[in-house]
N, C-alpha and C. Protein backbone atom coordinates (compact mmCIF):
# COMPACT_ATOMS: atom_id res chain seq x y z
N MET A 1 -18.83 -26.96 -30.96
CA MET A 1 -18.50 -28.03 -30.05
C MET A 1 -18.53 -27.45 -28.64
N LYS A 2 -19.18 -28.13 -27.75
CA LYS A 2 -19.25 -27.69 -26.37
C LYS A 2 -18.15 -28.36 -25.57
N LEU A 3 -17.71 -27.68 -24.55
CA LEU A 3 -16.64 -28.18 -23.71
C LEU A 3 -17.05 -29.47 -23.00
N GLN A 4 -18.30 -29.55 -22.59
CA GLN A 4 -18.77 -30.76 -21.91
C GLN A 4 -18.72 -31.97 -22.84
N ASP A 5 -19.05 -31.80 -24.13
CA ASP A 5 -18.98 -32.90 -25.09
C ASP A 5 -17.54 -33.36 -25.28
N LEU A 6 -16.62 -32.42 -25.28
CA LEU A 6 -15.21 -32.74 -25.45
C LEU A 6 -14.69 -33.51 -24.24
N LEU A 7 -15.11 -33.10 -23.06
CA LEU A 7 -14.65 -33.76 -21.83
C LEU A 7 -15.18 -35.18 -21.70
N LYS A 8 -16.35 -35.46 -22.25
CA LYS A 8 -16.91 -36.81 -22.17
C LYS A 8 -16.05 -37.83 -22.89
N ASP A 9 -15.43 -37.41 -24.00
CA ASP A 9 -14.64 -38.33 -24.82
C ASP A 9 -13.23 -38.55 -24.27
N LEU A 10 -12.76 -37.73 -23.37
CA LEU A 10 -11.40 -37.82 -22.87
C LEU A 10 -11.29 -38.84 -21.74
N GLU A 11 -10.16 -39.51 -21.70
CA GLU A 11 -9.89 -40.44 -20.61
C GLU A 11 -8.88 -39.81 -19.66
N LEU A 12 -9.08 -40.05 -18.37
CA LEU A 12 -8.14 -39.53 -17.39
C LEU A 12 -6.82 -40.28 -17.48
N GLY A 13 -5.72 -39.55 -17.39
CA GLY A 13 -4.40 -40.16 -17.40
C GLY A 13 -3.82 -40.37 -18.78
N LYS A 14 -4.60 -40.25 -19.83
CA LYS A 14 -4.09 -40.46 -21.19
C LYS A 14 -3.57 -39.14 -21.73
N VAL A 15 -2.42 -39.21 -22.40
CA VAL A 15 -1.83 -38.02 -23.00
C VAL A 15 -2.27 -37.95 -24.46
N TYR A 16 -2.87 -36.83 -24.82
CA TYR A 16 -3.35 -36.65 -26.18
C TYR A 16 -2.39 -35.77 -26.96
N THR A 17 -2.19 -36.07 -28.24
CA THR A 17 -1.35 -35.26 -29.12
C THR A 17 -2.20 -34.71 -30.23
N ASP A 18 -1.56 -33.94 -31.12
CA ASP A 18 -2.28 -33.37 -32.26
C ASP A 18 -2.81 -34.46 -33.18
N LYS A 19 -2.13 -35.62 -33.22
CA LYS A 19 -2.58 -36.70 -34.09
C LYS A 19 -3.85 -37.34 -33.56
N ASP A 20 -4.00 -37.38 -32.22
CA ASP A 20 -5.19 -37.98 -31.62
C ASP A 20 -6.41 -37.09 -31.77
N ARG A 21 -6.22 -35.85 -31.52
CA ARG A 21 -7.34 -34.89 -31.56
C ARG A 21 -6.92 -33.65 -32.34
N LYS A 22 -7.78 -33.18 -33.18
CA LYS A 22 -7.51 -31.96 -33.94
C LYS A 22 -7.75 -30.75 -33.03
N PRO A 23 -7.11 -29.62 -33.34
CA PRO A 23 -7.37 -28.41 -32.55
C PRO A 23 -8.85 -28.07 -32.57
N PHE A 24 -9.33 -27.56 -31.48
CA PHE A 24 -10.75 -27.28 -31.37
C PHE A 24 -10.98 -25.88 -30.85
N LYS A 25 -12.19 -25.42 -31.08
CA LYS A 25 -12.59 -24.13 -30.58
C LYS A 25 -13.89 -24.33 -29.80
N VAL A 26 -13.92 -23.80 -28.61
CA VAL A 26 -15.11 -23.93 -27.78
C VAL A 26 -16.03 -22.77 -28.08
N ASN A 27 -17.25 -23.06 -28.48
CA ASN A 27 -18.22 -22.02 -28.81
C ASN A 27 -19.23 -21.80 -27.70
N GLU A 28 -18.91 -22.29 -26.55
CA GLU A 28 -19.83 -22.22 -25.43
C GLU A 28 -19.98 -20.79 -24.95
N ASP A 29 -21.20 -20.38 -24.67
CA ASP A 29 -21.43 -19.06 -24.11
C ASP A 29 -21.03 -19.05 -22.65
N LYS A 30 -21.23 -17.93 -22.04
CA LYS A 30 -20.86 -17.79 -20.63
C LYS A 30 -21.66 -18.76 -19.78
N CYS A 31 -21.01 -19.20 -18.69
CA CYS A 31 -21.71 -20.10 -17.78
C CYS A 31 -22.70 -19.30 -16.94
N ASN A 32 -23.47 -19.99 -16.13
CA ASN A 32 -24.50 -19.33 -15.33
C ASN A 32 -23.94 -18.51 -14.18
N CYS A 33 -22.71 -18.79 -13.77
CA CYS A 33 -22.13 -17.99 -12.70
C CYS A 33 -21.70 -16.64 -13.25
N ASN A 34 -21.44 -15.72 -12.39
CA ASN A 34 -21.07 -14.36 -12.81
C ASN A 34 -19.57 -14.16 -12.88
N CYS A 35 -18.81 -15.24 -13.02
CA CYS A 35 -17.36 -15.11 -13.00
C CYS A 35 -16.80 -14.56 -14.31
N HIS A 36 -17.58 -14.57 -15.37
CA HIS A 36 -17.09 -14.11 -16.68
C HIS A 36 -17.59 -12.73 -17.05
N SER A 37 -18.24 -12.05 -16.14
CA SER A 37 -18.78 -10.75 -16.49
C SER A 37 -17.63 -9.81 -16.87
N ASP A 38 -17.78 -9.18 -18.00
CA ASP A 38 -16.72 -8.32 -18.53
C ASP A 38 -16.50 -7.09 -17.67
N LYS A 39 -17.56 -6.50 -17.26
CA LYS A 39 -17.44 -5.27 -16.51
C LYS A 39 -18.39 -5.32 -15.33
N ILE A 40 -17.87 -5.02 -14.17
CA ILE A 40 -18.71 -4.99 -12.99
C ILE A 40 -19.13 -3.55 -12.77
N ASP A 41 -20.39 -3.32 -12.80
CA ASP A 41 -20.90 -1.97 -12.59
C ASP A 41 -21.09 -1.75 -11.11
N GLU A 42 -20.23 -0.95 -10.54
CA GLU A 42 -20.33 -0.62 -9.13
C GLU A 42 -20.51 0.88 -9.00
N ASP A 43 -21.35 1.25 -8.11
CA ASP A 43 -21.56 2.67 -7.85
C ASP A 43 -20.81 3.03 -6.59
N PHE A 44 -19.80 3.83 -6.71
CA PHE A 44 -19.00 4.22 -5.57
C PHE A 44 -19.50 5.53 -4.97
N GLY A 45 -20.75 5.79 -5.11
CA GLY A 45 -21.29 7.03 -4.57
C GLY A 45 -20.99 8.17 -5.51
N MET A 46 -20.22 9.12 -5.05
CA MET A 46 -19.91 10.29 -5.87
C MET A 46 -18.55 10.11 -6.52
N ALA A 47 -18.52 9.44 -7.63
CA ALA A 47 -17.27 9.31 -8.38
C ALA A 47 -16.96 10.66 -9.01
N ALA A 48 -15.73 10.83 -9.44
CA ALA A 48 -15.31 12.13 -9.98
C ALA A 48 -16.16 12.56 -11.16
N THR A 49 -16.61 11.61 -11.95
CA THR A 49 -17.41 11.97 -13.12
C THR A 49 -18.85 12.28 -12.74
N GLN A 50 -19.28 11.86 -11.57
CA GLN A 50 -20.67 12.06 -11.18
C GLN A 50 -20.83 13.19 -10.17
N MET A 51 -19.74 13.83 -9.76
CA MET A 51 -19.84 14.86 -8.74
C MET A 51 -20.56 16.08 -9.25
N GLN A 52 -21.27 16.67 -8.35
CA GLN A 52 -21.95 17.90 -8.70
C GLN A 52 -20.95 19.04 -8.73
N PRO A 53 -21.19 20.04 -9.54
CA PRO A 53 -20.26 21.17 -9.57
C PRO A 53 -20.36 21.96 -8.26
N PHE A 54 -19.38 22.83 -8.04
CA PHE A 54 -19.39 23.68 -6.86
C PHE A 54 -20.61 24.59 -6.91
N SER A 55 -21.06 24.99 -5.75
CA SER A 55 -22.25 25.85 -5.70
C SER A 55 -21.95 27.24 -6.25
N SER A 56 -20.69 27.67 -6.14
CA SER A 56 -20.29 28.96 -6.71
C SER A 56 -18.79 28.95 -6.94
N LYS A 57 -18.32 29.94 -7.68
CA LYS A 57 -16.88 30.07 -7.91
C LYS A 57 -16.16 30.40 -6.61
N GLU A 58 -16.85 31.12 -5.75
CA GLU A 58 -16.27 31.50 -4.47
C GLU A 58 -16.03 30.26 -3.60
N ALA A 59 -16.97 29.32 -3.62
CA ALA A 59 -16.82 28.08 -2.83
C ALA A 59 -15.61 27.30 -3.31
N LYS A 60 -15.41 27.25 -4.62
CA LYS A 60 -14.25 26.54 -5.16
C LYS A 60 -12.96 27.22 -4.72
N ALA A 61 -12.92 28.54 -4.79
CA ALA A 61 -11.73 29.28 -4.40
C ALA A 61 -11.43 29.11 -2.91
N VAL A 62 -12.48 29.13 -2.08
CA VAL A 62 -12.30 28.96 -0.64
C VAL A 62 -11.73 27.56 -0.34
N LEU A 63 -12.29 26.54 -0.98
CA LEU A 63 -11.81 25.18 -0.74
C LEU A 63 -10.41 24.98 -1.26
N ASP A 64 -10.10 25.54 -2.41
CA ASP A 64 -8.75 25.40 -2.95
C ASP A 64 -7.71 26.02 -2.01
N SER A 65 -8.01 27.21 -1.50
CA SER A 65 -7.05 27.84 -0.58
C SER A 65 -6.98 27.09 0.74
N SER A 66 -8.10 26.55 1.20
CA SER A 66 -8.10 25.78 2.45
C SER A 66 -7.28 24.51 2.32
N VAL A 67 -7.46 23.80 1.22
CA VAL A 67 -6.71 22.57 1.00
C VAL A 67 -5.22 22.88 0.92
N LYS A 68 -4.87 24.00 0.32
CA LYS A 68 -3.47 24.41 0.25
C LYS A 68 -2.91 24.63 1.65
N GLU A 69 -3.69 25.28 2.51
CA GLU A 69 -3.25 25.51 3.89
C GLU A 69 -3.14 24.20 4.66
N TYR A 70 -4.12 23.30 4.48
CA TYR A 70 -4.09 22.01 5.17
C TYR A 70 -2.86 21.22 4.77
N ALA A 71 -2.54 21.23 3.49
CA ALA A 71 -1.37 20.49 3.01
C ALA A 71 -0.09 21.07 3.62
N LYS A 72 -0.04 22.39 3.73
CA LYS A 72 1.13 23.04 4.34
C LYS A 72 1.27 22.63 5.80
N LEU A 73 0.14 22.59 6.54
CA LEU A 73 0.16 22.17 7.94
C LEU A 73 0.62 20.71 8.07
N LEU A 74 0.13 19.84 7.18
CA LEU A 74 0.52 18.44 7.23
C LEU A 74 2.02 18.27 6.94
N ARG A 75 2.53 19.04 5.98
CA ARG A 75 3.97 18.95 5.68
C ARG A 75 4.80 19.39 6.87
N LYS A 76 4.36 20.46 7.55
CA LYS A 76 5.08 20.92 8.74
C LYS A 76 5.04 19.86 9.84
N ALA A 77 3.88 19.25 10.03
CA ALA A 77 3.75 18.20 11.06
C ALA A 77 4.65 17.01 10.71
N GLN A 78 4.66 16.62 9.45
CA GLN A 78 5.52 15.51 9.02
C GLN A 78 6.98 15.84 9.29
N TYR A 79 7.38 17.06 9.00
CA TYR A 79 8.76 17.48 9.21
C TYR A 79 9.12 17.36 10.69
N LYS A 80 8.24 17.85 11.57
CA LYS A 80 8.51 17.79 13.00
C LYS A 80 8.58 16.35 13.50
N ILE A 81 7.70 15.51 12.99
CA ILE A 81 7.69 14.10 13.40
C ILE A 81 8.98 13.42 12.99
N VAL A 82 9.38 13.59 11.74
CA VAL A 82 10.60 12.95 11.24
C VAL A 82 11.81 13.49 11.98
N LYS A 83 11.83 14.79 12.24
CA LYS A 83 12.94 15.40 12.97
C LYS A 83 13.05 14.79 14.37
N ASP A 84 11.93 14.59 15.03
CA ASP A 84 11.92 13.98 16.36
C ASP A 84 12.41 12.54 16.30
N TRP A 85 11.93 11.78 15.32
CA TRP A 85 12.37 10.39 15.16
C TRP A 85 13.88 10.33 14.93
N MET A 86 14.39 11.18 14.05
CA MET A 86 15.82 11.14 13.74
C MET A 86 16.67 11.57 14.93
N ALA A 87 16.19 12.56 15.69
CA ALA A 87 16.94 12.98 16.87
C ALA A 87 17.03 11.85 17.89
N LYS A 88 15.94 11.14 18.09
CA LYS A 88 15.94 10.02 19.03
C LYS A 88 16.76 8.85 18.50
N ALA A 89 16.75 8.67 17.19
CA ALA A 89 17.54 7.59 16.60
C ALA A 89 19.03 7.91 16.71
N LYS A 90 19.40 9.15 16.48
CA LYS A 90 20.81 9.53 16.58
C LYS A 90 21.32 9.45 18.02
N ALA A 91 20.40 9.64 18.97
CA ALA A 91 20.78 9.51 20.38
C ALA A 91 20.88 8.05 20.81
N GLY A 92 20.46 7.14 19.93
CA GLY A 92 20.55 5.72 20.24
C GLY A 92 19.39 5.19 21.04
N VAL A 93 18.33 5.98 21.17
CA VAL A 93 17.18 5.57 21.97
C VAL A 93 16.28 4.62 21.18
N ILE A 94 16.03 4.94 19.91
CA ILE A 94 15.15 4.12 19.08
C ILE A 94 15.80 3.89 17.73
N ASP A 95 15.26 2.94 16.99
CA ASP A 95 15.65 2.75 15.61
C ASP A 95 14.38 2.59 14.77
N TYR A 96 14.55 2.37 13.50
CA TYR A 96 13.43 2.25 12.56
C TYR A 96 12.46 1.16 13.02
N TYR A 97 12.99 0.02 13.42
CA TYR A 97 12.15 -1.12 13.78
C TYR A 97 11.35 -0.85 15.07
N ASP A 98 11.92 -0.07 15.96
CA ASP A 98 11.18 0.31 17.17
C ASP A 98 9.98 1.19 16.81
N ILE A 99 10.19 2.10 15.88
CA ILE A 99 9.08 2.98 15.47
C ILE A 99 7.98 2.15 14.82
N VAL A 100 8.36 1.23 13.94
CA VAL A 100 7.36 0.38 13.29
C VAL A 100 6.59 -0.41 14.34
N ARG A 101 7.32 -1.02 15.27
CA ARG A 101 6.68 -1.79 16.33
C ARG A 101 5.75 -0.91 17.16
N GLY A 102 6.18 0.30 17.45
CA GLY A 102 5.38 1.22 18.25
C GLY A 102 4.11 1.67 17.56
N LEU A 103 4.19 1.80 16.23
CA LEU A 103 3.01 2.22 15.49
C LEU A 103 2.03 1.08 15.24
N LYS A 104 2.55 -0.11 15.09
CA LYS A 104 1.69 -1.26 14.77
C LYS A 104 1.15 -1.98 16.01
N THR A 105 1.81 -1.84 17.13
CA THR A 105 1.34 -2.52 18.35
C THR A 105 1.24 -1.50 19.46
N GLY A 106 0.61 -1.89 20.55
CA GLY A 106 0.52 -1.02 21.70
C GLY A 106 -0.91 -0.72 22.08
N ASP A 107 -1.07 0.20 22.98
CA ASP A 107 -2.39 0.57 23.51
C ASP A 107 -3.20 1.25 22.41
N VAL A 108 -4.40 0.74 22.16
CA VAL A 108 -5.23 1.30 21.09
C VAL A 108 -5.87 2.63 21.48
N SER A 109 -5.91 2.94 22.76
CA SER A 109 -6.56 4.18 23.19
C SER A 109 -5.67 5.41 23.00
N ARG A 110 -4.41 5.21 22.61
CA ARG A 110 -3.49 6.36 22.47
C ARG A 110 -3.73 7.14 21.19
N ALA A 111 -4.25 6.48 20.14
CA ALA A 111 -4.53 7.18 18.88
C ALA A 111 -5.51 6.35 18.06
N HIS A 112 -6.20 7.01 17.15
CA HIS A 112 -7.09 6.30 16.24
C HIS A 112 -6.26 5.52 15.22
N THR A 113 -6.85 4.49 14.65
CA THR A 113 -6.10 3.66 13.70
C THR A 113 -5.70 4.46 12.46
N TYR A 114 -6.54 5.38 12.01
CA TYR A 114 -6.18 6.15 10.83
C TYR A 114 -5.00 7.08 11.12
N GLU A 115 -4.86 7.50 12.37
CA GLU A 115 -3.72 8.35 12.73
C GLU A 115 -2.41 7.56 12.74
N THR A 116 -2.45 6.36 13.32
CA THR A 116 -1.24 5.54 13.31
C THR A 116 -0.91 5.07 11.90
N ASP A 117 -1.94 4.83 11.08
CA ASP A 117 -1.68 4.48 9.67
C ASP A 117 -1.01 5.65 8.95
N PHE A 118 -1.46 6.87 9.23
CA PHE A 118 -0.85 8.05 8.63
C PHE A 118 0.62 8.15 9.03
N LEU A 119 0.92 7.96 10.32
CA LEU A 119 2.30 8.03 10.79
C LEU A 119 3.15 6.93 10.17
N PHE A 120 2.57 5.75 10.00
CA PHE A 120 3.30 4.65 9.38
C PHE A 120 3.62 4.97 7.92
N LYS A 121 2.68 5.61 7.23
CA LYS A 121 2.93 6.01 5.84
C LYS A 121 4.01 7.09 5.78
N VAL A 122 4.01 7.99 6.75
CA VAL A 122 5.07 9.01 6.81
C VAL A 122 6.41 8.34 6.98
N LEU A 123 6.48 7.35 7.86
CA LEU A 123 7.73 6.64 8.12
C LEU A 123 8.22 5.88 6.90
N ASN A 124 7.32 5.31 6.15
CA ASN A 124 7.72 4.44 5.04
C ASN A 124 7.86 5.16 3.71
N LYS A 125 7.85 6.46 3.72
CA LYS A 125 8.18 7.18 2.49
C LYS A 125 9.64 6.89 2.18
N ASP A 126 9.97 6.82 0.93
CA ASP A 126 11.31 6.42 0.50
C ASP A 126 12.41 7.27 1.13
N LYS A 127 12.23 8.56 1.15
CA LYS A 127 13.28 9.44 1.66
C LYS A 127 13.53 9.21 3.15
N ILE A 128 12.48 8.93 3.91
CA ILE A 128 12.62 8.73 5.35
C ILE A 128 13.38 7.44 5.62
N VAL A 129 12.98 6.38 4.96
CA VAL A 129 13.65 5.08 5.13
C VAL A 129 15.10 5.20 4.71
N GLN A 130 15.37 5.93 3.63
CA GLN A 130 16.74 6.11 3.17
C GLN A 130 17.57 6.88 4.20
N ARG A 131 16.95 7.84 4.89
CA ARG A 131 17.68 8.58 5.92
C ARG A 131 18.08 7.68 7.07
N PHE A 132 17.17 6.79 7.48
CA PHE A 132 17.51 5.84 8.54
C PHE A 132 18.62 4.91 8.07
N ASN A 133 18.49 4.38 6.86
CA ASN A 133 19.50 3.46 6.35
C ASN A 133 20.85 4.14 6.17
N LYS A 134 20.83 5.37 5.69
CA LYS A 134 22.07 6.11 5.49
C LYS A 134 22.75 6.38 6.82
N TYR A 135 21.98 6.75 7.81
CA TYR A 135 22.56 7.08 9.11
C TYR A 135 23.14 5.84 9.78
N PHE A 136 22.38 4.75 9.76
CA PHE A 136 22.84 3.55 10.43
C PHE A 136 23.73 2.69 9.56
N GLY A 137 23.84 2.99 8.29
CA GLY A 137 24.70 2.21 7.40
C GLY A 137 24.25 0.76 7.29
N GLY A 138 22.96 0.52 7.35
CA GLY A 138 22.45 -0.83 7.25
C GLY A 138 22.39 -1.55 8.59
N LYS A 139 22.92 -0.94 9.62
CA LYS A 139 22.88 -1.55 10.95
C LYS A 139 21.52 -1.25 11.59
N LYS A 140 21.17 -2.04 12.57
CA LYS A 140 19.87 -1.86 13.20
C LYS A 140 19.84 -0.68 14.14
N SER A 141 20.85 -0.52 14.95
CA SER A 141 20.75 0.55 15.93
C SER A 141 22.11 1.23 16.16
N MET A 142 22.04 2.36 16.79
CA MET A 142 23.23 3.14 17.10
C MET A 142 24.12 2.39 18.08
N ASN A 143 23.51 1.65 19.00
CA ASN A 143 24.27 0.92 20.01
C ASN A 143 25.22 -0.08 19.37
N GLN A 144 24.79 -0.73 18.30
CA GLN A 144 25.67 -1.69 17.63
C GLN A 144 26.86 -0.99 17.01
N ARG A 145 26.67 0.22 16.50
CA ARG A 145 27.79 0.96 15.92
C ARG A 145 28.80 1.32 17.00
N LEU A 146 28.31 1.74 18.16
CA LEU A 146 29.21 2.12 19.25
C LEU A 146 29.98 0.91 19.78
N VAL A 147 29.32 -0.24 19.86
CA VAL A 147 29.98 -1.45 20.35
C VAL A 147 31.11 -1.84 19.40
N LYS A 148 30.87 -1.74 18.09
CA LYS A 148 31.90 -2.11 17.11
C LYS A 148 33.09 -1.16 17.18
N LYS A 149 32.84 0.13 17.42
CA LYS A 149 33.94 1.09 17.54
C LYS A 149 34.81 0.77 18.74
N HIS A 150 34.18 0.42 19.87
CA HIS A 150 34.92 0.13 21.07
C HIS A 150 35.70 -1.19 20.95
N LYS A 151 35.19 -2.14 20.19
CA LYS A 151 35.89 -3.42 20.03
C LYS A 151 37.15 -3.22 19.21
N ARG A 152 37.15 -2.29 18.27
CA ARG A 152 38.31 -2.05 17.42
C ARG A 152 39.48 -1.48 18.22
N LYS A 153 39.19 -0.69 19.23
CA LYS A 153 40.24 -0.02 20.00
C LYS A 153 40.98 -0.92 20.90
């Protein structure tokens, strides 16, 4: 039974039950559009399974040690960035939302988009966000904490 044959017999607005129509199975093959394709074969260039091996064992060792050094440099840079952000936040100059606003808006000539995206990812790591929340206790800024302390006195 084809779906089109089934639809021809149906009336709009009428509610059908099991007594009116028996259960059916549609044996129709795929339609002409490509919406039912099971697997889309895409070539992403050099996928991990298609990559060529290293030219030598020495090249692999050099790259492994280089990547290790690069990762160490990035971790140090991240540490310095977060330390600077937290120092300014504790001084009451900025808060989490100011940093987000600063990274997402502003002069585009100050940094490339991939650099600001990297900084935004550094900021939104769980531990960093938790440090801001822990320090401010859920409050937006240091100034609000100081105002509340002075009102109590």
